[in-house]
Protein backbone atom coordinates (compact mmCIF):
# COMPACT_ATOMS: atom_id res chain seq x y z
CA UNK A 1 169.73 39.24 -40.92
CA UNK A 2 165.94 39.20 -40.91
CA UNK A 3 164.05 39.41 -37.65
CA UNK A 4 160.85 37.64 -36.70
CA UNK A 5 158.36 38.71 -34.04
CA UNK A 6 157.39 36.41 -31.17
CA UNK A 7 154.45 36.96 -28.82
CA UNK A 8 155.41 34.36 -26.20
CA UNK A 9 155.66 37.13 -23.60
CA UNK A 10 152.03 38.05 -24.30
CA UNK A 11 150.80 34.49 -23.69
CA UNK A 12 152.79 34.26 -20.45
CA UNK A 13 151.37 37.60 -19.31
CA UNK A 14 147.84 36.38 -19.98
CA UNK A 15 148.53 33.28 -17.87
CA UNK A 16 149.94 35.45 -15.06
CA UNK A 17 146.80 37.63 -15.19
CA UNK A 18 144.57 34.54 -15.38
CA UNK A 19 143.09 35.76 -18.67
CA UNK A 20 142.10 33.78 -21.73
CA UNK A 21 142.74 34.88 -25.30
CA UNK A 22 139.02 35.50 -25.73
CA UNK A 23 139.07 37.79 -22.67
CA UNK A 24 141.87 39.82 -24.24
CA UNK A 25 140.01 39.95 -27.55
CA UNK A 26 136.83 41.25 -25.90
CA UNK A 27 138.46 43.70 -23.48
CA UNK A 28 140.92 45.15 -26.02
CA UNK A 29 138.39 45.24 -28.86
CA UNK A 30 140.46 43.01 -31.12
CA UNK A 31 139.15 40.94 -34.01
CA UNK A 32 139.48 37.17 -34.17
CA UNK A 33 141.73 37.76 -37.20
CA UNK A 34 144.19 39.78 -35.10
CA UNK A 35 144.18 37.09 -32.41
CA UNK A 36 144.90 34.46 -35.06
CA UNK A 37 147.83 36.51 -36.40
CA UNK A 38 149.23 36.84 -32.88
CA UNK A 39 148.93 33.09 -32.43
CA UNK A 40 150.96 32.53 -35.62
CA UNK A 41 153.60 35.13 -34.63
CA UNK A 42 152.61 37.32 -37.58
CA UNK A 43 152.84 41.10 -37.69
CA UNK A 44 149.88 43.15 -36.47
CA UNK A 45 149.38 46.90 -36.53
CA UNK A 46 150.82 49.17 -33.88
CA UNK A 47 147.23 50.23 -33.18
CA UNK A 48 146.42 46.64 -32.14
CA UNK A 49 149.55 46.47 -30.00
CA UNK A 50 148.54 49.74 -28.35
CA UNK A 51 145.09 48.33 -27.52
CA UNK A 52 146.68 45.24 -25.97
CA UNK A 53 149.13 47.31 -23.90
CA UNK A 54 146.37 49.62 -22.65
CA UNK A 55 144.23 46.65 -21.69
CA UNK A 56 147.03 44.81 -19.90
CA UNK A 57 148.62 48.01 -18.53
CA UNK A 58 152.03 47.13 -19.91
CA UNK A 59 154.66 48.24 -22.40
CA UNK A 60 155.12 46.80 -25.89
CA UNK A 61 158.33 45.07 -24.80
CA UNK A 62 156.29 43.15 -22.22
CA UNK A 63 154.27 41.40 -24.94
CA UNK A 64 156.62 40.85 -27.85
CA UNK A 65 160.22 40.35 -28.80
CA UNK A 66 162.17 40.26 -32.02
CA UNK A 67 164.29 37.18 -32.67
CA UNK A 68 166.51 36.20 -35.60
CA UNK A 69 164.39 34.74 -38.41
CA UNK A 70 164.96 31.00 -38.69
CA UNK A 71 163.93 30.83 -42.35
């Protein structure tokens, strides 16, 4: 069974912290390309995930989850 990544937890966390995606991009030093990949539930590097976690002071499991691939 293939697994897909979902970043719904990240978007909820941003709402809880009253942050916009652009705020995360600027504070974490992400590119617009990385933000677009996150929005499409595509894979990003662990380095990018680390930057997000440091910025939001959270663990990786707080921003993503793996779910069975629906394809």
